[in-house]
Amino acid sequence: WGTADIEDFWFYKVEFAAGDSPSDSDWAYLGEGREPVSDDLLLVWDVSGLPAGSYTLRLTVVDRTGNYPQPCDLQVMIE
């Protein structure tokens, strides 16, 4: 659940990486949305093939000029 809605919204994308402090090259694409979302489901993440451990999810929301605010990172633990 979350919110992906900024002025002049274009799209949002969700990525993930292993660990708590991934480098720029570690991110893997999970999906995107072309409609703004407010306090609702952004994406379903199937973790069944991933090993247990710490992961970071990243939400990036992009406006129609290609600009985006600081991405939102969230650390999660898969057991």
PDB file of N, CA and C in Angstrom:
ATOM      1  N   TRP A   1       0.843  -1.182   0.000  1.00  0.00           N
ATOM      2  CA  TRP A   1       0.000   0.000   0.000  1.00  0.00           C
ATOM      3  C   TRP A   1       0.879   1.233   0.000  1.00  0.00           C
ATOM      4  N   GLY A   2       0.350   2.295  -0.601  1.00  0.00           N
ATOM      5  CA  GLY A   2       1.110   3.520  -0.588  1.00  0.00           C
ATOM      6  C   GLY A   2       0.461   4.587  -1.439  1.00  0.00           C
ATOM      7  N   THR A   3       1.206   5.660  -1.644  1.00  0.00           N
ATOM      8  CA  THR A   3       0.735   6.782  -2.445  1.00  0.00           C
ATOM      9  C   THR A   3       1.795   7.132  -3.475  1.00  0.00           C
ATOM     10  N   ALA A   4       1.357   7.283  -4.714  1.00  0.00           N
ATOM     11  CA  ALA A   4       2.221   7.717  -5.813  1.00  0.00           C
ATOM     12  C   ALA A   4       1.440   8.773  -6.576  1.00  0.00           C
ATOM     13  N   ASP A   5       1.544  10.004  -6.132  1.00  0.00           N
ATOM     14  CA  ASP A   5       0.748  11.078  -6.720  1.00  0.00           C
ATOM     15  C   ASP A   5       1.469  12.396  -6.483  1.00  0.00           C
ATOM     16  N   ILE A   6       1.946  13.010  -7.562  1.00  0.00           N
ATOM     17  CA  ILE A   6       2.602  14.312  -7.487  1.00  0.00           C
ATOM     18  C   ILE A   6       1.968  15.220  -8.531  1.00  0.00           C
ATOM     19  N   GLU A   7       2.261  16.509  -8.453  1.00  0.00           N
ATOM     20  CA  GLU A   7       1.757  17.449  -9.449  1.00  0.00           C
ATOM     21  C   GLU A   7       2.281  17.059 -10.829  1.00  0.00           C
ATOM     22  N   ASP A   8       1.420  17.101 -11.832  1.00  0.00           N
ATOM     23  CA  ASP A   8       1.756  16.763 -13.222  1.00  0.00           C
ATOM     24  C   ASP A   8       2.262  15.319 -13.343  1.00  0.00           C
ATOM     25  N   PHE A   9       1.624  14.411 -12.602  1.00  0.00           N
ATOM     26  CA  PHE A   9       1.984  12.988 -12.556  1.00  0.00           C
ATOM     27  C   PHE A   9       2.088  12.402 -13.966  1.00  0.00           C
ATOM     28  N   TRP A  10       3.130  11.555 -14.183  1.00  0.00           N
ATOM     29  CA  TRP A  10       3.283  10.816 -15.436  1.00  0.00           C
ATOM     30  C   TRP A  10       3.209   9.318 -15.161  1.00  0.00           C
ATOM     31  N   PHE A  11       4.096   8.809 -14.290  1.00  0.00           N
ATOM     32  CA  PHE A  11       4.074   7.396 -13.933  1.00  0.00           C
ATOM     33  C   PHE A  11       4.873   7.182 -12.656  1.00  0.00           C
ATOM     34  N   TYR A  12       4.738   5.978 -12.097  1.00  0.00           N
ATOM     35  CA  TYR A  12       5.599   5.578 -10.985  1.00  0.00           C
ATOM     36  C   TYR A  12       6.192   4.222 -11.305  1.00  0.00           C
ATOM     37  N   LYS A  13       7.341   3.936 -10.700  1.00  0.00           N
ATOM     38  CA  LYS A  13       7.951   2.618 -10.853  1.00  0.00           C
ATOM     39  C   LYS A  13       8.396   2.119  -9.488  1.00  0.00           C
ATOM     40  N   VAL A  14       8.385   0.796  -9.345  1.00  0.00           N
ATOM     41  CA  VAL A  14       8.812   0.151  -8.114  1.00  0.00           C
ATOM     42  C   VAL A  14       9.965  -0.782  -8.452  1.00  0.00           C
ATOM     43  N   GLU A  15      11.028  -0.707  -7.658  1.00  0.00           N
ATOM     44  CA  GLU A  15      12.212  -1.548  -7.838  1.00  0.00           C
ATOM     45  C   GLU A  15      12.567  -2.174  -6.497  1.00  0.00           C
ATOM     46  N   PHE A  16      13.429  -3.184  -6.535  1.00  0.00           N
ATOM     47  CA  PHE A  16      13.921  -3.771  -5.286  1.00  0.00           C
ATOM     48  C   PHE A  16      15.378  -4.140  -5.445  1.00  0.00           C
ATOM     49  N   ALA A  17      16.052  -4.294  -4.307  1.00  0.00           N
ATOM     50  CA  ALA A  17      17.445  -4.729  -4.280  1.00  0.00           C
ATOM     51  C   ALA A  17      17.697  -5.448  -2.961  1.00  0.00           C
ATOM     52  N   ALA A  18      18.637  -6.359  -2.972  1.00  0.00           N
ATOM     53  CA  ALA A  18      19.018  -7.065  -1.746  1.00  0.00           C
ATOM     54  C   ALA A  18      19.815  -6.125  -0.851  1.00  0.00           C
ATOM     55  N   GLY A  19      19.618  -6.266   0.458  1.00  0.00           N
ATOM     56  CA  GLY A  19      20.388  -5.498   1.427  1.00  0.00           C
ATOM     57  C   GLY A  19      19.722  -4.203   1.846  1.00  0.00           C
ATOM     58  N   ASP A  20      20.384  -3.531   2.791  1.00  0.00           N
ATOM     59  CA  ASP A  20      19.852  -2.292   3.356  1.00  0.00           C
ATOM     60  C   ASP A  20      20.365  -1.033   2.666  1.00  0.00           C
ATOM     61  N   SER A  21      21.497  -1.119   1.965  1.00  0.00           N
ATOM     62  CA  SER A  21      22.091   0.054   1.315  1.00  0.00           C
ATOM     63  C   SER A  21      22.580  -0.315  -0.081  1.00  0.00           C
ATOM     64  N   PRO A  22      21.664  -0.643  -0.986  1.00  0.00           N
ATOM     65  CA  PRO A  22      22.087  -1.072  -2.320  1.00  0.00           C
ATOM     66  C   PRO A  22      22.722   0.068  -3.117  1.00  0.00           C
ATOM     67  N   SER A  23      23.605  -0.298  -4.036  1.00  0.00           N
ATOM     68  CA  SER A  23      24.203   0.693  -4.931  1.00  0.00           C
ATOM     69  C   SER A  23      23.269   0.903  -6.123  1.00  0.00           C
ATOM     70  N   ASP A  24      23.552   1.903  -6.929  1.00  0.00           N
ATOM     71  CA  ASP A  24      22.689   2.227  -8.070  1.00  0.00           C
ATOM     72  C   ASP A  24      22.532   1.069  -9.044  1.00  0.00           C
ATOM     73  N   SER A  25      23.530   0.223  -9.167  1.00  0.00           N
ATOM     74  CA  SER A  25      23.476  -0.876 -10.136  1.00  0.00           C
ATOM     75  C   SER A  25      22.762  -2.115  -9.605  1.00  0.00           C
ATOM     76  N   ASP A  26      22.365  -2.118  -8.335  1.00  0.00           N
ATOM     77  CA  ASP A  26      21.748  -3.293  -7.713  1.00  0.00           C
ATOM     78  C   ASP A  26      20.241  -3.398  -7.930  1.00  0.00           C
ATOM     79  N   TRP A  27      19.593  -2.337  -8.357  1.00  0.00           N
ATOM     80  CA  TRP A  27      18.136  -2.300  -8.417  1.00  0.00           C
ATOM     81  C   TRP A  27      17.572  -3.146  -9.548  1.00  0.00           C
ATOM     82  N   ALA A  28      16.501  -3.881  -9.245  1.00  0.00           N
ATOM     83  CA  ALA A  28      15.789  -4.688 -10.235  1.00  0.00           C
ATOM     84  C   ALA A  28      14.358  -4.152 -10.348  1.00  0.00           C
ATOM     85  N   TYR A  29      13.884  -4.034 -11.560  1.00  0.00           N
ATOM     86  CA  TYR A  29      12.552  -3.508 -11.849  1.00  0.00           C
ATOM     87  C   TYR A  29      11.472  -4.495 -11.415  1.00  0.00           C
ATOM     88  N   LEU A  30      10.452  -3.995 -10.718  1.00  0.00           N
ATOM     89  CA  LEU A  30       9.304  -4.824 -10.326  1.00  0.00           C
ATOM     90  C   LEU A  30       8.054  -4.490 -11.125  1.00  0.00           C
ATOM     91  N   GLY A  31       7.836  -3.227 -11.416  1.00  0.00           N
ATOM     92  CA  GLY A  31       6.638  -2.834 -12.151  1.00  0.00           C
ATOM     93  C   GLY A  31       6.427  -1.339 -12.081  1.00  0.00           C
ATOM     94  N   GLU A  32       5.363  -0.895 -12.763  1.00  0.00           N
ATOM     95  CA  GLU A  32       5.060   0.529 -12.789  1.00  0.00           C
ATOM     96  C   GLU A  32       3.563   0.737 -12.910  1.00  0.00           C
ATOM     97  N   GLY A  33       3.151   1.980 -12.717  1.00  0.00           N
ATOM     98  CA  GLY A  33       1.756   2.359 -12.866  1.00  0.00           C
ATOM     99  C   GLY A  33       1.652   3.664 -13.617  1.00  0.00           C
ATOM    100  N   ARG A  34       0.602   3.789 -14.415  1.00  0.00           N
ATOM    101  CA  ARG A  34       0.390   4.994 -15.227  1.00  0.00           C
ATOM    102  C   ARG A  34      -0.744   5.868 -14.701  1.00  0.00           C
ATOM    103  N   GLU A  35      -1.328   5.462 -13.564  1.00  0.00           N
ATOM    104  CA  GLU A  35      -2.387   6.241 -12.917  1.00  0.00           C
ATOM    105  C   GLU A  35      -1.939   6.589 -11.500  1.00  0.00           C
ATOM    106  N   PRO A  36      -2.223   7.808 -11.038  1.00  0.00           N
ATOM    107  CA  PRO A  36      -1.883   8.156  -9.660  1.00  0.00           C
ATOM    108  C   PRO A  36      -2.590   7.222  -8.674  1.00  0.00           C
ATOM    109  N   VAL A  37      -1.940   6.959  -7.550  1.00  0.00           N
ATOM    110  CA  VAL A  37      -2.485   6.103  -6.499  1.00  0.00           C
ATOM    111  C   VAL A  37      -2.409   6.871  -5.187  1.00  0.00           C
ATOM    112  N   SER A  38      -3.481   6.813  -4.407  1.00  0.00           N
ATOM    113  CA  SER A  38      -3.502   7.475  -3.110  1.00  0.00           C
ATOM    114  C   SER A  38      -3.949   6.486  -2.046  1.00  0.00           C
ATOM    115  N   ASP A  39      -3.015   6.106  -1.178  1.00  0.00           N
ATOM    116  CA  ASP A  39      -3.283   5.181  -0.079  1.00  0.00           C
ATOM    117  C   ASP A  39      -4.005   3.928  -0.566  1.00  0.00           C
ATOM    118  N   ASP A  40      -3.394   3.264  -1.557  1.00  0.00           N
ATOM    119  CA  ASP A  40      -3.987   2.066  -2.142  1.00  0.00           C
ATOM    120  C   ASP A  40      -2.859   1.154  -2.625  1.00  0.00           C
ATOM    121  N   LEU A  41      -3.237   0.046  -3.208  1.00  0.00           N
ATOM    122  CA  LEU A  41      -2.273  -0.947  -3.677  1.00  0.00           C
ATOM    123  C   LEU A  41      -1.459  -0.398  -4.849  1.00  0.00           C
ATOM    124  N   LEU A  42      -0.136  -0.429  -4.720  1.00  0.00           N
ATOM    125  CA  LEU A  42       0.759   0.012  -5.784  1.00  0.00           C
ATOM    126  C   LEU A  42       1.200  -1.150  -6.664  1.00  0.00           C
ATOM    127  N   LEU A  43       1.432  -2.304  -6.037  1.00  0.00           N
ATOM    128  CA  LEU A  43       2.032  -3.432  -6.744  1.00  0.00           C
ATOM    129  C   LEU A  43       1.947  -4.666  -5.862  1.00  0.00           C
ATOM    130  N   VAL A  44       1.833  -5.829  -6.479  1.00  0.00           N
ATOM    131  CA  VAL A  44       1.931  -7.095  -5.757  1.00  0.00           C
ATOM    132  C   VAL A  44       3.311  -7.666  -6.049  1.00  0.00           C
ATOM    133  N   TRP A  45       4.066  -7.973  -5.010  1.00  0.00           N
ATOM    134  CA  TRP A  45       5.433  -8.473  -5.137  1.00  0.00           C
ATOM    135  C   TRP A  45       5.460  -9.937  -4.741  1.00  0.00           C
ATOM    136  N   ASP A  46       5.736 -10.805  -5.696  1.00  0.00           N
ATOM    137  CA  ASP A  46       5.844 -12.242  -5.434  1.00  0.00           C
ATOM    138  C   ASP A  46       7.273 -12.537  -4.986  1.00  0.00           C
ATOM    139  N   VAL A  47       7.442 -12.845  -3.717  1.00  0.00           N
ATOM    140  CA  VAL A  47       8.769 -13.089  -3.152  1.00  0.00           C
ATOM    141  C   VAL A  47       9.080 -14.577  -3.029  1.00  0.00           C
ATOM    142  N   SER A  48       8.239 -15.436  -3.582  1.00  0.00           N
ATOM    143  CA  SER A  48       8.391 -16.881  -3.382  1.00  0.00           C
ATOM    144  C   SER A  48       9.727 -17.421  -3.888  1.00  0.00           C
ATOM    145  N   GLY A  49      10.346 -16.787  -4.868  1.00  0.00           N
ATOM    146  CA  GLY A  49      11.619 -17.272  -5.390  1.00  0.00           C
ATOM    147  C   GLY A  49      12.845 -16.625  -4.779  1.00  0.00           C
ATOM    148  N   LEU A  50      12.651 -15.750  -3.812  1.00  0.00           N
ATOM    149  CA  LEU A  50      13.776 -15.024  -3.216  1.00  0.00           C
ATOM    150  C   LEU A  50      14.249 -15.697  -1.935  1.00  0.00           C
ATOM    151  N   PRO A  51      15.556 -15.684  -1.702  1.00  0.00           N
ATOM    152  CA  PRO A  51      16.053 -16.210  -0.429  1.00  0.00           C
ATOM    153  C   PRO A  51      15.696 -15.271   0.723  1.00  0.00           C
ATOM    154  N   ALA A  52      15.630 -15.831   1.915  1.00  0.00           N
ATOM    155  CA  ALA A  52      15.367 -15.018   3.103  1.00  0.00           C
ATOM    156  C   ALA A  52      16.472 -13.981   3.261  1.00  0.00           C
ATOM    157  N   GLY A  53      16.097 -12.843   3.796  1.00  0.00           N
ATOM    158  CA  GLY A  53      17.084 -11.800   4.038  1.00  0.00           C
ATOM    159  C   GLY A  53      16.475 -10.419   3.967  1.00  0.00           C
ATOM    160  N   SER A  54      17.342  -9.426   4.033  1.00  0.00           N
ATOM    161  CA  SER A  54      16.948  -8.030   4.017  1.00  0.00           C
ATOM    162  C   SER A  54      16.898  -7.520   2.578  1.00  0.00           C
ATOM    163  N   TYR A  55      15.860  -6.753   2.264  1.00  0.00           N
ATOM    164  CA  TYR A  55      15.689  -6.167   0.938  1.00  0.00           C
ATOM    165  C   TYR A  55      15.246  -4.722   1.089  1.00  0.00           C
ATOM    166  N   THR A  56      15.458  -3.945   0.033  1.00  0.00           N
ATOM    167  CA  THR A  56      14.986  -2.571  -0.005  1.00  0.00           C
ATOM    168  C   THR A  56      14.060  -2.409  -1.199  1.00  0.00           C
ATOM    169  N   LEU A  57      12.886  -1.859  -0.954  1.00  0.00           N
ATOM    170  CA  LEU A  57      11.947  -1.491  -2.014  1.00  0.00           C
ATOM    171  C   LEU A  57      12.112  -0.009  -2.294  1.00  0.00           C
ATOM    172  N   ARG A  58      12.009   0.376  -3.570  1.00  0.00           N
ATOM    173  CA  ARG A  58      12.132   1.790  -3.946  1.00  0.00           C
ATOM    174  C   ARG A  58      10.957   2.191  -4.827  1.00  0.00           C
ATOM    175  N   LEU A  59      10.299   3.276  -4.441  1.00  0.00           N
ATOM    176  CA  LEU A  59       9.229   3.873  -5.232  1.00  0.00           C
ATOM    177  C   LEU A  59       9.720   5.199  -5.791  1.00  0.00           C
ATOM    178  N   THR A  60       9.645   5.344  -7.117  1.00  0.00           N
ATOM    179  CA  THR A  60      10.009   6.590  -7.781  1.00  0.00           C
ATOM    180  C   THR A  60       8.791   7.083  -8.554  1.00  0.00           C
ATOM    181  N   VAL A  61       8.390   8.324  -8.317  1.00  0.00           N
ATOM    182  CA  VAL A  61       7.251   8.930  -8.998  1.00  0.00           C
ATOM    183  C   VAL A  61       7.792  10.020  -9.922  1.00  0.00           C
ATOM    184  N   VAL A  62       7.390   9.963 -11.201  1.00  0.00           N
ATOM    185  CA  VAL A  62       7.948  10.844 -12.231  1.00  0.00           C
ATOM    186  C   VAL A  62       6.851  11.760 -12.773  1.00  0.00           C
ATOM    187  N   ASP A  63       7.201  13.039 -12.996  1.00  0.00           N
ATOM    188  CA  ASP A  63       6.222  13.957 -13.589  1.00  0.00           C
ATOM    189  C   ASP A  63       6.406  14.017 -15.107  1.00  0.00           C
ATOM    190  N   ARG A  64       5.537  14.752 -15.780  1.00  0.00           N
ATOM    191  CA  ARG A  64       5.516  14.775 -17.252  1.00  0.00           C
ATOM    192  C   ARG A  64       6.749  15.421 -17.880  1.00  0.00           C
ATOM    193  N   THR A  65       7.562  16.110 -17.100  1.00  0.00           N
ATOM    194  CA  THR A  65       8.802  16.674 -17.629  1.00  0.00           C
ATOM    195  C   THR A  65       9.985  15.738 -17.393  1.00  0.00           C
ATOM    196  N   GLY A  66       9.726  14.585 -16.758  1.00  0.00           N
ATOM    197  CA  GLY A  66      10.794  13.626 -16.475  1.00  0.00           C
ATOM    198  C   GLY A  66      11.476  13.844 -15.140  1.00  0.00           C
ATOM    199  N   ASN A  67      11.039  14.849 -14.402  1.00  0.00           N
ATOM    200  CA  ASN A  67      11.609  15.111 -13.079  1.00  0.00           C
ATOM    201  C   ASN A  67      10.927  14.252 -12.033  1.00  0.00           C
ATOM    202  N   TYR A  68      11.627  14.017 -10.941  1.00  0.00           N
ATOM    203  CA  TYR A  68      11.059  13.226  -9.854  1.00  0.00           C
ATOM    204  C   TYR A  68      11.664  13.662  -8.525  1.00  0.00           C
ATOM    205  N   PRO A  69      10.839  13.646  -7.469  1.00  0.00           N
ATOM    206  CA  PRO A  69      11.381  13.931  -6.141  1.00  0.00           C
ATOM    207  C   PRO A  69      12.242  12.769  -5.665  1.00  0.00           C
ATOM    208  N   GLN A  70      12.870  12.938  -4.536  1.00  0.00           N
ATOM    209  CA  GLN A  70      13.685  11.874  -3.940  1.00  0.00           C
ATOM    210  C   GLN A  70      12.865  10.585  -3.872  1.00  0.00           C
ATOM    211  N   PRO A  71      13.396   9.461  -4.398  1.00  0.00           N
ATOM    212  CA  PRO A  71      12.667   8.189  -4.287  1.00  0.00           C
ATOM    213  C   PRO A  71      12.441   7.807  -2.825  1.00  0.00           C
ATOM    214  N   CYS A  72      11.402   7.043  -2.600  1.00  0.00           N
ATOM    215  CA  CYS A  72      11.071   6.556  -1.264  1.00  0.00           C
ATOM    216  C   CYS A  72      11.579   5.125  -1.126  1.00  0.00           C
ATOM    217  N   ASP A  73      12.484   4.888  -0.193  1.00  0.00           N
ATOM    218  CA  ASP A  73      13.039   3.554   0.055  1.00  0.00           C
ATOM    219  C   ASP A  73      12.450   2.980   1.335  1.00  0.00           C
ATOM    220  N   LEU A  74      12.186   1.680   1.309  1.00  0.00           N
ATOM    221  CA  LEU A  74      11.620   0.981   2.455  1.00  0.00           C
ATOM    222  C   LEU A  74      12.354  -0.338   2.637  1.00  0.00           C
ATOM    223  N   GLN A  75      12.935  -0.551   3.814  1.00  0.00           N
ATOM    224  CA  GLN A  75      13.626  -1.810   4.107  1.00  0.00           C
ATOM    225  C   GLN A  75      12.601  -2.831   4.599  1.00  0.00           C
ATOM    226  N   VAL A  76      12.709  -4.054   4.058  1.00  0.00           N
ATOM    227  CA  VAL A  76      11.821  -5.151   4.455  1.00  0.00           C
ATOM    228  C   VAL A  76      12.665  -6.393   4.709  1.00  0.00           C
ATOM    229  N   MET A  77      12.121  -7.302   5.505  1.00  0.00           N
ATOM    230  CA  MET A  77      12.792  -8.566   5.804  1.00  0.00           C
ATOM    231  C   MET A  77      11.913  -9.699   5.291  1.00  0.00           C
ATOM    232  N   ILE A  78      12.503 -10.578   4.484  1.00  0.00           N
ATOM    233  CA  ILE A  78      11.803 -11.768   4.004  1.00  0.00           C
ATOM    234  C   ILE A  78      12.311 -12.947   4.805  1.00  0.00           C
ATOM    235  N   GLU A  79      11.394 -13.698   5.387  1.00  0.00           N
ATOM    236  CA  GLU A  79      11.774 -14.845   6.225  1.00  0.00           C
ATOM    237  C   GLU A  79      11.419 -16.150   5.551  1.00  0.00           C
TER     238      GLU A  79
END
